[in-house]
């Protein structure tokens, strides 16, 4: 899943982080609030990097139950990712994009492979020689077990999420310290969302 980047690889920008009492709708078809004002679906084209290209993935928890949704939009300089989830443990959790779109090994989720860009250098948003292209900020869960968060990453593209082997967004048990190798001490994988290859 390696590709040449046409922009400077730097730290990810966290656009917003807000927990709320509602997760995504069960069918996962509703766009995140305000999304229509940010990126028009009509802007998408056959170009894999087209502004507005979109990828969806259903989020599954440690028992294989659906616990939320993930939507990614292609912007001019990167990808906006929204995660809406319920029934996650309280506290901070590492979030990474992994290189294979596979969530079949329920509760383990190792079939998704390593981080996107893991062979290009060290892990960590705060590592002086990082980060992997699949590194994202931490997700924080309220006492109610719900979260809704938006991240922006200039390190990946929707075309990379939907290439021949897809990709997976993985949520870990612990928060990522953004420096420790190889995954920031984030622990086991407890949730998986598969981005399918574009057909």
N, C-alpha and C. Protein backbone atom coordinates (compact mmCIF):
# COMPACT_ATOMS: atom_id res chain seq x y z
N UNK A 1 0.82 -1.20 0.00
CA UNK A 1 0.00 0.00 0.00
C UNK A 1 0.86 1.26 0.00
N UNK A 2 2.08 1.16 -0.49
CA UNK A 2 2.94 2.33 -0.51
C UNK A 2 2.64 3.16 -1.73
N UNK A 3 2.78 4.48 -1.59
CA UNK A 3 2.61 5.36 -2.73
C UNK A 3 3.39 6.62 -2.49
N UNK A 4 3.70 7.33 -3.55
CA UNK A 4 4.40 8.60 -3.41
C UNK A 4 3.44 9.66 -2.96
N UNK A 5 3.87 10.50 -2.03
CA UNK A 5 3.03 11.56 -1.53
C UNK A 5 3.42 12.85 -2.21
N UNK A 6 2.39 13.62 -2.58
CA UNK A 6 2.66 14.88 -3.26
C UNK A 6 2.61 16.06 -2.32
N UNK A 7 2.57 15.76 -1.04
CA UNK A 7 2.53 16.84 -0.07
C UNK A 7 3.50 16.52 1.05
N UNK A 8 3.82 17.48 1.86
CA UNK A 8 4.78 17.30 2.94
C UNK A 8 4.21 16.38 3.99
N UNK A 9 4.98 15.38 4.39
CA UNK A 9 4.54 14.49 5.44
C UNK A 9 4.86 15.15 6.76
N UNK A 10 3.83 15.49 7.51
CA UNK A 10 4.00 16.16 8.79
C UNK A 10 3.05 15.60 9.79
N UNK A 11 2.89 16.29 10.90
CA UNK A 11 1.97 15.85 11.95
C UNK A 11 0.55 15.98 11.47
N UNK A 12 -0.29 15.05 11.94
CA UNK A 12 -1.71 15.10 11.60
C UNK A 12 -2.37 16.26 12.32
N UNK A 13 -3.43 16.80 11.72
CA UNK A 13 -4.19 17.87 12.34
C UNK A 13 -5.50 17.31 12.85
N UNK A 14 -5.75 17.52 14.11
CA UNK A 14 -7.01 17.10 14.70
C UNK A 14 -8.02 18.21 14.51
N UNK A 15 -9.02 17.96 13.65
CA UNK A 15 -10.02 19.00 13.37
C UNK A 15 -10.98 19.20 14.53
N UNK A 16 -11.41 18.09 15.10
CA UNK A 16 -12.38 18.26 16.18
C UNK A 16 -12.48 16.97 16.95
N UNK A 17 -12.84 17.06 18.23
CA UNK A 17 -13.00 15.89 19.05
C UNK A 17 -14.11 16.17 20.03
N UNK A 18 -15.22 15.45 19.88
CA UNK A 18 -16.35 15.71 20.75
C UNK A 18 -17.12 14.44 20.98
N UNK A 19 -17.29 14.06 22.24
CA UNK A 19 -18.10 12.90 22.56
C UNK A 19 -19.55 13.34 22.67
N UNK A 20 -20.47 12.42 22.31
CA UNK A 20 -21.89 12.73 22.42
C UNK A 20 -22.64 11.46 22.74
N UNK A 21 -23.92 11.59 22.95
CA UNK A 21 -24.72 10.45 23.36
C UNK A 21 -25.28 9.66 22.23
N UNK A 22 -25.02 9.99 20.98
CA UNK A 22 -25.58 9.27 19.86
C UNK A 22 -24.47 8.75 18.97
N UNK A 23 -24.59 7.50 18.55
CA UNK A 23 -23.68 6.94 17.56
C UNK A 23 -24.34 7.04 16.21
N UNK A 24 -23.67 6.52 15.19
CA UNK A 24 -24.21 6.58 13.84
C UNK A 24 -25.49 5.77 13.75
N UNK A 25 -26.33 6.09 12.80
CA UNK A 25 -27.56 5.36 12.59
C UNK A 25 -27.22 3.92 12.22
N UNK A 26 -28.10 2.96 12.56
CA UNK A 26 -27.80 1.54 12.32
C UNK A 26 -27.48 1.24 10.86
N UNK A 27 -28.11 1.96 9.93
CA UNK A 27 -27.84 1.66 8.53
C UNK A 27 -26.59 2.35 8.01
N UNK A 28 -26.05 3.28 8.78
CA UNK A 28 -24.80 3.92 8.41
C UNK A 28 -24.89 4.81 7.19
N UNK A 29 -26.10 5.14 6.75
CA UNK A 29 -26.26 5.89 5.51
C UNK A 29 -26.29 7.39 5.72
N UNK A 30 -26.53 7.84 6.94
CA UNK A 30 -26.61 9.28 7.18
C UNK A 30 -25.22 9.87 7.20
N UNK A 31 -25.03 10.95 6.46
CA UNK A 31 -23.74 11.64 6.46
C UNK A 31 -23.56 12.37 7.77
N UNK A 32 -22.33 12.56 8.24
CA UNK A 32 -22.09 13.31 9.47
C UNK A 32 -22.66 14.70 9.38
N UNK A 33 -23.04 15.24 10.54
CA UNK A 33 -23.64 16.56 10.58
C UNK A 33 -22.72 17.59 9.97
N UNK A 34 -23.29 18.44 9.10
CA UNK A 34 -22.53 19.51 8.49
C UNK A 34 -21.67 19.09 7.31
N UNK A 35 -21.63 17.78 7.01
CA UNK A 35 -20.75 17.32 5.96
C UNK A 35 -21.12 17.90 4.60
N UNK A 36 -22.41 18.10 4.36
CA UNK A 36 -22.83 18.61 3.06
C UNK A 36 -22.29 20.01 2.81
N UNK A 37 -22.00 20.74 3.89
CA UNK A 37 -21.45 22.08 3.74
C UNK A 37 -19.95 22.07 3.52
N UNK A 38 -19.33 20.91 3.75
CA UNK A 38 -17.88 20.83 3.63
C UNK A 38 -17.47 20.27 2.28
N UNK A 39 -18.04 19.13 1.92
CA UNK A 39 -17.66 18.46 0.69
C UNK A 39 -18.91 18.00 -0.03
N UNK A 40 -19.08 18.42 -1.25
CA UNK A 40 -20.24 18.03 -2.03
C UNK A 40 -20.01 16.69 -2.68
N UNK A 41 -21.00 15.78 -2.58
CA UNK A 41 -20.87 14.48 -3.22
C UNK A 41 -20.77 14.64 -4.73
N UNK A 42 -21.33 15.69 -5.27
CA UNK A 42 -21.29 15.89 -6.71
C UNK A 42 -19.89 16.24 -7.19
N UNK A 43 -18.99 16.53 -6.25
CA UNK A 43 -17.62 16.85 -6.63
C UNK A 43 -16.82 15.62 -6.99
N UNK A 44 -17.31 14.43 -6.58
CA UNK A 44 -16.57 13.20 -6.85
C UNK A 44 -16.55 12.91 -8.35
N UNK A 45 -15.47 12.28 -8.80
CA UNK A 45 -15.36 11.90 -10.21
C UNK A 45 -14.67 10.56 -10.28
N UNK A 46 -14.37 10.10 -11.50
CA UNK A 46 -13.71 8.82 -11.66
C UNK A 46 -12.26 8.89 -11.18
N UNK A 47 -11.71 10.05 -11.07
CA UNK A 47 -10.36 10.22 -10.55
C UNK A 47 -10.30 9.74 -9.11
N UNK A 48 -9.39 8.80 -8.82
CA UNK A 48 -9.33 8.21 -7.47
C UNK A 48 -9.04 9.24 -6.41
N UNK A 49 -8.38 10.34 -6.78
CA UNK A 49 -8.05 11.37 -5.81
C UNK A 49 -9.01 12.55 -5.90
N UNK A 50 -10.17 12.35 -6.54
CA UNK A 50 -11.10 13.45 -6.75
C UNK A 50 -11.57 14.02 -5.42
N UNK A 51 -11.62 15.33 -5.39
CA UNK A 51 -12.16 16.02 -4.22
C UNK A 51 -13.58 15.53 -3.98
N UNK A 52 -13.86 15.09 -2.77
CA UNK A 52 -15.19 14.62 -2.43
C UNK A 52 -15.39 13.12 -2.56
N UNK A 53 -14.42 12.37 -3.10
CA UNK A 53 -14.55 10.92 -3.15
C UNK A 53 -14.76 10.39 -1.74
N UNK A 54 -15.60 9.39 -1.60
CA UNK A 54 -15.99 8.94 -0.26
C UNK A 54 -15.85 7.43 -0.12
N UNK A 55 -15.51 7.00 1.09
CA UNK A 55 -15.46 5.58 1.43
C UNK A 55 -16.15 5.38 2.77
N UNK A 56 -16.93 4.31 2.87
CA UNK A 56 -17.65 3.99 4.11
C UNK A 56 -17.19 2.64 4.65
N UNK A 57 -17.30 2.49 5.96
CA UNK A 57 -16.99 1.20 6.58
C UNK A 57 -17.82 1.04 7.84
N UNK A 58 -18.35 -0.14 8.04
CA UNK A 58 -19.07 -0.45 9.28
C UNK A 58 -18.05 -0.87 10.34
N UNK A 59 -18.25 -0.39 11.56
CA UNK A 59 -17.33 -0.66 12.67
C UNK A 59 -17.87 -1.80 13.52
N UNK A 60 -17.03 -2.81 13.73
CA UNK A 60 -17.41 -3.99 14.50
C UNK A 60 -16.55 -4.10 15.76
N UNK A 61 -17.19 -4.49 16.86
CA UNK A 61 -16.53 -4.57 18.15
C UNK A 61 -15.90 -5.93 18.41
N UNK A 62 -15.45 -6.17 19.66
CA UNK A 62 -14.70 -7.38 19.98
C UNK A 62 -15.51 -8.67 19.83
N UNK A 63 -16.84 -8.58 19.86
CA UNK A 63 -17.68 -9.76 19.68
C UNK A 63 -18.25 -9.88 18.27
N UNK A 64 -17.81 -9.01 17.39
CA UNK A 64 -18.29 -9.05 16.03
C UNK A 64 -19.59 -8.31 15.79
N UNK A 65 -20.11 -7.65 16.85
CA UNK A 65 -21.33 -6.87 16.69
C UNK A 65 -21.01 -5.51 16.10
N UNK A 66 -21.95 -4.98 15.35
CA UNK A 66 -21.75 -3.66 14.76
C UNK A 66 -21.94 -2.60 15.83
N UNK A 67 -20.94 -1.75 16.00
CA UNK A 67 -20.99 -0.74 17.05
C UNK A 67 -20.91 0.69 16.51
N UNK A 68 -20.85 0.84 15.19
CA UNK A 68 -20.78 2.19 14.65
C UNK A 68 -20.41 2.21 13.19
N UNK A 69 -19.98 3.38 12.74
CA UNK A 69 -19.67 3.60 11.34
C UNK A 69 -18.46 4.53 11.19
N UNK A 70 -17.77 4.38 10.08
CA UNK A 70 -16.64 5.24 9.73
C UNK A 70 -16.88 5.74 8.31
N UNK A 71 -16.70 7.04 8.10
CA UNK A 71 -16.82 7.61 6.76
C UNK A 71 -15.58 8.45 6.50
N UNK A 72 -15.01 8.31 5.30
CA UNK A 72 -13.83 9.07 4.91
C UNK A 72 -14.14 9.85 3.64
N UNK A 73 -13.76 11.13 3.60
CA UNK A 73 -13.91 11.98 2.42
C UNK A 73 -12.55 12.46 1.96
N UNK A 74 -12.37 12.52 0.66
CA UNK A 74 -11.15 13.06 0.09
C UNK A 74 -11.24 14.57 0.00
N UNK A 75 -10.33 15.26 0.66
CA UNK A 75 -10.18 16.70 0.50
C UNK A 75 -9.05 17.00 -0.45
N UNK A 76 -8.76 18.26 -0.64
CA UNK A 76 -7.68 18.63 -1.56
C UNK A 76 -6.33 18.14 -1.08
N UNK A 77 -6.10 18.20 0.25
CA UNK A 77 -4.79 17.89 0.80
C UNK A 77 -4.77 16.71 1.75
N UNK A 78 -5.81 15.90 1.74
CA UNK A 78 -5.85 14.77 2.65
C UNK A 78 -7.26 14.25 2.82
N UNK A 79 -7.44 13.48 3.88
CA UNK A 79 -8.71 12.78 4.10
C UNK A 79 -9.32 13.18 5.45
N UNK A 80 -10.61 13.51 5.41
CA UNK A 80 -11.39 13.75 6.62
C UNK A 80 -12.06 12.45 7.01
N UNK A 81 -11.85 12.01 8.24
CA UNK A 81 -12.40 10.74 8.73
C UNK A 81 -13.32 11.02 9.90
N UNK A 82 -14.55 10.53 9.82
CA UNK A 82 -15.47 10.62 10.96
C UNK A 82 -15.76 9.23 11.48
N UNK A 83 -15.66 9.10 12.81
CA UNK A 83 -15.97 7.86 13.49
C UNK A 83 -17.12 8.14 14.45
N UNK A 84 -18.17 7.34 14.36
CA UNK A 84 -19.28 7.40 15.31
C UNK A 84 -19.46 6.00 15.88
N UNK A 85 -19.35 5.86 17.21
CA UNK A 85 -19.35 4.52 17.80
C UNK A 85 -20.02 4.51 19.16
N UNK A 86 -20.43 3.34 19.56
CA UNK A 86 -21.03 3.12 20.88
C UNK A 86 -20.40 1.85 21.48
N UNK A 87 -20.66 1.63 22.77
CA UNK A 87 -20.25 0.40 23.45
C UNK A 87 -18.75 0.16 23.44
N UNK A 88 -17.99 1.25 23.52
CA UNK A 88 -16.54 1.14 23.67
C UNK A 88 -16.16 1.42 25.13
N UNK A 89 -15.04 0.88 25.61
CA UNK A 89 -14.62 1.13 26.99
C UNK A 89 -14.29 2.61 27.22
N UNK A 90 -14.54 3.06 28.44
CA UNK A 90 -14.25 4.43 28.84
C UNK A 90 -12.77 4.75 28.67
N UNK A 91 -12.49 5.98 28.20
CA UNK A 91 -11.11 6.46 28.15
C UNK A 91 -10.57 6.62 26.75
N UNK A 92 -9.23 6.73 26.67
CA UNK A 92 -8.57 6.96 25.40
C UNK A 92 -8.20 5.67 24.70
N UNK A 93 -8.26 5.70 23.37
CA UNK A 93 -7.96 4.53 22.56
C UNK A 93 -7.17 4.94 21.32
N UNK A 94 -6.10 4.20 21.03
CA UNK A 94 -5.35 4.43 19.81
C UNK A 94 -6.18 4.08 18.59
N UNK A 95 -6.02 4.85 17.53
CA UNK A 95 -6.74 4.62 16.27
C UNK A 95 -5.72 4.66 15.14
N UNK A 96 -5.72 3.62 14.31
CA UNK A 96 -4.76 3.53 13.21
C UNK A 96 -5.44 2.98 11.97
N UNK A 97 -4.92 3.35 10.81
CA UNK A 97 -5.35 2.76 9.56
C UNK A 97 -4.38 1.63 9.22
N UNK A 98 -4.92 0.42 9.06
CA UNK A 98 -4.10 -0.75 8.77
C UNK A 98 -4.22 -1.11 7.29
N UNK A 99 -3.19 -1.81 6.78
CA UNK A 99 -3.00 -1.93 5.35
C UNK A 99 -3.85 -2.91 4.60
N UNK A 100 -4.66 -3.73 5.29
CA UNK A 100 -5.48 -4.73 4.62
C UNK A 100 -6.93 -4.59 5.09
N UNK A 101 -7.85 -4.58 4.16
CA UNK A 101 -9.26 -4.47 4.50
C UNK A 101 -9.83 -5.80 4.92
N UNK A 102 -9.56 -6.22 6.15
CA UNK A 102 -10.02 -7.52 6.66
C UNK A 102 -10.38 -7.40 8.13
N UNK A 103 -11.60 -7.82 8.46
CA UNK A 103 -12.06 -7.83 9.86
C UNK A 103 -12.67 -9.19 10.20
N UNK A 104 -12.33 -10.23 9.45
CA UNK A 104 -12.98 -11.54 9.60
C UNK A 104 -12.55 -12.27 10.87
N UNK A 105 -11.35 -12.01 11.36
CA UNK A 105 -10.88 -12.68 12.58
C UNK A 105 -11.38 -11.89 13.80
N UNK A 106 -12.66 -12.06 14.07
CA UNK A 106 -13.37 -11.27 15.08
C UNK A 106 -12.67 -11.34 16.44
N UNK A 107 -12.55 -10.15 17.06
CA UNK A 107 -11.98 -10.06 18.39
C UNK A 107 -10.46 -10.01 18.42
N UNK A 108 -9.83 -10.35 17.30
CA UNK A 108 -8.37 -10.31 17.19
C UNK A 108 -7.97 -9.23 16.20
N UNK A 109 -8.56 -9.32 15.02
CA UNK A 109 -8.42 -8.32 13.95
C UNK A 109 -6.99 -8.13 13.47
N UNK A 110 -6.19 -9.20 13.58
CA UNK A 110 -4.81 -9.11 13.07
C UNK A 110 -4.74 -9.32 11.56
N UNK A 111 -5.82 -9.81 10.95
CA UNK A 111 -5.83 -10.02 9.49
C UNK A 111 -5.68 -8.69 8.75
N UNK A 112 -5.91 -7.59 9.45
CA UNK A 112 -5.79 -6.27 8.83
C UNK A 112 -4.34 -5.83 8.65
N UNK A 113 -3.39 -6.64 9.12
CA UNK A 113 -1.98 -6.34 8.95
C UNK A 113 -1.50 -5.18 9.79
N UNK A 114 -0.36 -4.61 9.39
CA UNK A 114 0.23 -3.49 10.12
C UNK A 114 -0.27 -2.16 9.60
N UNK A 115 0.23 -1.10 10.19
CA UNK A 115 -0.18 0.26 9.80
C UNK A 115 0.17 0.55 8.35
N UNK A 116 -0.65 1.36 7.71
CA UNK A 116 -0.29 1.90 6.41
C UNK A 116 1.00 2.70 6.58
N UNK A 117 2.00 2.40 5.78
CA UNK A 117 3.28 3.10 5.87
C UNK A 117 4.23 2.56 6.91
N UNK A 118 3.96 1.39 7.47
CA UNK A 118 4.81 0.86 8.55
C UNK A 118 6.24 0.58 8.10
N UNK A 119 6.44 0.37 6.79
CA UNK A 119 7.78 0.08 6.29
C UNK A 119 8.56 1.33 5.92
N UNK A 120 7.93 2.48 6.06
CA UNK A 120 8.57 3.73 5.64
C UNK A 120 9.30 4.46 6.76
N UNK A 121 9.13 4.00 8.00
CA UNK A 121 9.76 4.68 9.13
C UNK A 121 9.04 4.34 10.42
N UNK A 122 9.41 4.99 11.52
CA UNK A 122 8.84 4.67 12.83
C UNK A 122 7.41 5.18 13.01
N UNK A 123 6.74 4.57 13.97
CA UNK A 123 5.39 4.98 14.36
C UNK A 123 5.44 6.22 15.26
N UNK A 124 4.40 7.01 15.21
CA UNK A 124 4.20 8.03 16.22
C UNK A 124 4.09 9.44 15.71
N UNK A 125 2.98 10.08 16.05
CA UNK A 125 2.77 11.48 15.66
C UNK A 125 3.78 12.41 16.31
N UNK A 126 4.36 12.00 17.45
CA UNK A 126 5.36 12.82 18.12
C UNK A 126 6.78 12.26 17.99
N UNK A 127 6.92 11.20 17.20
CA UNK A 127 8.26 10.65 16.97
C UNK A 127 9.01 11.58 16.01
N UNK A 128 10.26 11.91 16.31
CA UNK A 128 10.99 12.86 15.45
C UNK A 128 11.16 12.37 14.02
N UNK A 129 11.08 11.06 13.81
CA UNK A 129 11.23 10.52 12.46
C UNK A 129 9.93 9.89 11.94
N UNK A 130 8.82 10.11 12.67
CA UNK A 130 7.52 9.56 12.26
C UNK A 130 6.77 10.56 11.43
N UNK A 131 5.55 10.25 11.08
CA UNK A 131 4.73 9.15 11.56
C UNK A 131 4.40 8.20 10.41
N UNK A 132 3.83 7.03 10.76
CA UNK A 132 3.26 6.19 9.73
C UNK A 132 2.10 6.92 9.06
N UNK A 133 1.83 6.60 7.81
CA UNK A 133 0.70 7.22 7.12
C UNK A 133 -0.63 6.80 7.74
N UNK A 134 -0.64 5.70 8.46
CA UNK A 134 -1.86 5.23 9.09
C UNK A 134 -2.07 5.73 10.51
N UNK A 135 -1.16 6.56 11.03
CA UNK A 135 -1.31 7.06 12.40
C UNK A 135 -2.38 8.14 12.47
N UNK A 136 -3.20 8.07 13.52
CA UNK A 136 -4.24 9.06 13.79
C UNK A 136 -4.20 9.44 15.26
N UNK A 137 -4.80 10.57 15.64
CA UNK A 137 -4.91 10.92 17.06
C UNK A 137 -5.77 9.91 17.83
N UNK A 138 -5.74 10.00 19.14
CA UNK A 138 -6.53 9.10 19.97
C UNK A 138 -8.02 9.46 19.95
N UNK A 139 -8.81 8.45 20.17
CA UNK A 139 -10.25 8.60 20.31
C UNK A 139 -10.58 8.50 21.80
N UNK A 140 -11.48 9.36 22.30
CA UNK A 140 -11.83 9.36 23.71
C UNK A 140 -13.32 9.04 23.89
N UNK A 141 -13.60 8.13 24.80
CA UNK A 141 -14.95 7.62 25.00
C UNK A 141 -15.50 8.09 26.34
N UNK A 142 -16.74 8.55 26.34
CA UNK A 142 -17.40 9.02 27.55
C UNK A 142 -17.86 7.85 28.41
N UNK A 143 -18.33 8.16 29.61
CA UNK A 143 -18.85 7.14 30.51
C UNK A 143 -20.03 6.41 29.89
N UNK A 144 -20.73 7.05 28.98
CA UNK A 144 -21.87 6.42 28.31
C UNK A 144 -21.42 5.43 27.24
N UNK A 145 -20.12 5.38 26.96
CA UNK A 145 -19.60 4.44 25.99
C UNK A 145 -19.71 4.90 24.56
N UNK A 146 -20.01 6.18 24.35
CA UNK A 146 -20.20 6.68 22.99
C UNK A 146 -19.14 7.70 22.61
N UNK A 147 -18.94 7.82 21.32
CA UNK A 147 -18.01 8.83 20.82
C UNK A 147 -18.39 9.21 19.40
N UNK A 148 -18.11 10.44 19.06
CA UNK A 148 -18.19 10.91 17.67
C UNK A 148 -17.02 11.86 17.48
N UNK A 149 -16.17 11.56 16.52
CA UNK A 149 -14.93 12.31 16.36
C UNK A 149 -14.64 12.50 14.89
N UNK A 150 -13.96 13.62 14.57
CA UNK A 150 -13.49 13.88 13.22
C UNK A 150 -11.98 14.10 13.25
N UNK A 151 -11.28 13.40 12.36
CA UNK A 151 -9.85 13.57 12.21
C UNK A 151 -9.56 13.99 10.77
N UNK A 152 -8.49 14.75 10.59
CA UNK A 152 -8.00 15.03 9.24
C UNK A 152 -6.58 14.53 9.12
N UNK A 153 -6.31 13.76 8.08
CA UNK A 153 -4.96 13.27 7.84
C UNK A 153 -4.48 13.68 6.46
N UNK A 154 -3.35 14.40 6.39
CA UNK A 154 -2.75 14.72 5.10
C UNK A 154 -1.86 13.60 4.59
N UNK A 155 -1.80 12.48 5.31
CA UNK A 155 -0.86 11.42 5.00
C UNK A 155 -1.43 10.31 4.13
N UNK A 156 -2.75 10.26 3.97
CA UNK A 156 -3.38 9.17 3.23
C UNK A 156 -4.37 9.75 2.23
N UNK A 157 -4.93 8.87 1.41
CA UNK A 157 -5.97 9.27 0.45
C UNK A 157 -7.07 8.22 0.44
N UNK A 158 -8.24 8.60 -0.04
CA UNK A 158 -9.34 7.65 -0.17
C UNK A 158 -8.95 6.53 -1.13
N UNK A 159 -8.19 6.85 -2.17
CA UNK A 159 -7.77 5.82 -3.11
C UNK A 159 -6.91 4.77 -2.42
N UNK A 160 -6.13 5.15 -1.41
CA UNK A 160 -5.32 4.19 -0.67
C UNK A 160 -6.18 3.32 0.22
N UNK A 161 -7.25 3.88 0.75
CA UNK A 161 -8.18 3.11 1.58
C UNK A 161 -8.94 2.08 0.77
N UNK A 162 -9.12 2.35 -0.53
CA UNK A 162 -9.96 1.50 -1.37
C UNK A 162 -9.18 0.89 -2.52
N UNK A 163 -7.89 0.66 -2.32
CA UNK A 163 -7.08 0.03 -3.36
C UNK A 163 -7.33 -1.47 -3.39
N UNK A 164 -6.49 -2.23 -4.07
CA UNK A 164 -6.76 -3.64 -4.34
C UNK A 164 -6.99 -4.49 -3.10
N UNK A 165 -6.32 -4.18 -1.99
CA UNK A 165 -6.53 -4.96 -0.77
C UNK A 165 -7.25 -4.17 0.32
N UNK A 166 -7.78 -3.01 -0.05
CA UNK A 166 -8.55 -2.22 0.91
C UNK A 166 -7.71 -1.72 2.06
N UNK A 167 -8.36 -1.42 3.17
CA UNK A 167 -7.70 -0.96 4.39
C UNK A 167 -8.68 -1.14 5.54
N UNK A 168 -8.19 -1.03 6.76
CA UNK A 168 -9.06 -1.17 7.92
C UNK A 168 -8.72 -0.12 8.97
N UNK A 169 -9.73 0.50 9.54
CA UNK A 169 -9.52 1.38 10.69
C UNK A 169 -9.65 0.50 11.93
N UNK A 170 -8.60 0.53 12.75
CA UNK A 170 -8.55 -0.29 13.96
C UNK A 170 -8.55 0.61 15.19
N UNK A 171 -9.36 0.23 16.19
CA UNK A 171 -9.36 0.90 17.50
C UNK A 171 -8.75 -0.06 18.51
N UNK A 172 -7.83 0.47 19.32
CA UNK A 172 -7.09 -0.35 20.28
C UNK A 172 -7.62 -0.15 21.71
N UNK A 173 -7.18 -1.03 22.61
CA UNK A 173 -7.66 -0.99 24.00
C UNK A 173 -7.15 0.21 24.77
N UNK A 174 -5.93 0.66 24.46
CA UNK A 174 -5.29 1.73 25.22
C UNK A 174 -5.00 2.92 24.31
N UNK A 175 -4.67 4.06 24.93
CA UNK A 175 -4.31 5.23 24.15
C UNK A 175 -2.92 5.06 23.55
N UNK A 176 -2.68 5.73 22.45
CA UNK A 176 -1.39 5.75 21.78
C UNK A 176 -0.55 6.88 22.37
N UNK A 177 0.67 6.56 22.81
CA UNK A 177 1.53 7.61 23.35
C UNK A 177 2.31 8.34 22.25
N UNK A 178 2.13 7.91 20.99
CA UNK A 178 2.66 8.60 19.80
C UNK A 178 4.17 8.53 19.66
N UNK A 179 4.83 7.68 20.46
CA UNK A 179 6.28 7.56 20.36
C UNK A 179 6.79 6.13 20.47
N UNK A 180 6.21 5.35 21.38
CA UNK A 180 6.68 3.99 21.62
C UNK A 180 6.48 3.12 20.37
N UNK A 181 7.49 2.30 20.08
CA UNK A 181 7.40 1.41 18.93
C UNK A 181 6.87 0.04 19.35
N UNK A 182 6.09 -0.65 18.50
CA UNK A 182 5.74 -0.22 17.14
C UNK A 182 4.37 0.45 17.01
N UNK A 183 3.56 0.47 18.12
CA UNK A 183 2.20 1.01 17.99
C UNK A 183 1.83 1.99 19.11
N UNK A 184 2.83 2.57 19.76
CA UNK A 184 2.54 3.55 20.78
C UNK A 184 1.97 2.99 22.06
N UNK A 185 2.19 1.69 22.31
CA UNK A 185 1.67 1.07 23.52
C UNK A 185 0.16 0.98 23.55
N UNK A 186 -0.47 0.96 22.37
CA UNK A 186 -1.93 1.02 22.31
C UNK A 186 -2.61 -0.31 22.61
N UNK A 187 -1.87 -1.39 22.68
CA UNK A 187 -2.45 -2.66 23.11
C UNK A 187 -3.23 -3.40 22.03
N UNK A 188 -4.09 -4.29 22.50
CA UNK A 188 -4.84 -5.17 21.61
C UNK A 188 -5.84 -4.40 20.74
N UNK A 189 -6.30 -5.05 19.70
CA UNK A 189 -7.27 -4.47 18.77
C UNK A 189 -8.68 -4.86 19.21
N UNK A 190 -9.54 -3.87 19.44
CA UNK A 190 -10.88 -4.18 19.95
C UNK A 190 -12.00 -3.82 18.98
N UNK A 191 -11.69 -3.13 17.91
CA UNK A 191 -12.73 -2.79 16.94
C UNK A 191 -12.10 -2.64 15.57
N UNK A 192 -12.87 -2.96 14.53
CA UNK A 192 -12.35 -2.98 13.17
C UNK A 192 -13.41 -2.50 12.20
N UNK A 193 -13.02 -1.63 11.28
CA UNK A 193 -13.89 -1.17 10.21
C UNK A 193 -13.18 -1.40 8.89
N UNK A 194 -13.79 -2.15 8.00
CA UNK A 194 -13.15 -2.53 6.73
C UNK A 194 -13.56 -1.59 5.61
N UNK A 195 -12.55 -0.98 4.97
CA UNK A 195 -12.77 -0.25 3.73
C UNK A 195 -12.55 -1.23 2.59
N UNK A 196 -13.56 -1.42 1.76
CA UNK A 196 -13.47 -2.39 0.69
C UNK A 196 -12.79 -1.81 -0.54
N UNK A 197 -12.15 -2.68 -1.34
CA UNK A 197 -11.55 -2.18 -2.58
C UNK A 197 -12.59 -1.55 -3.49
N UNK A 198 -12.18 -0.51 -4.19
CA UNK A 198 -13.07 0.16 -5.14
C UNK A 198 -13.25 -0.73 -6.36
N UNK A 199 -14.50 -0.91 -6.79
CA UNK A 199 -14.77 -1.77 -7.94
C UNK A 199 -15.19 -0.94 -9.14
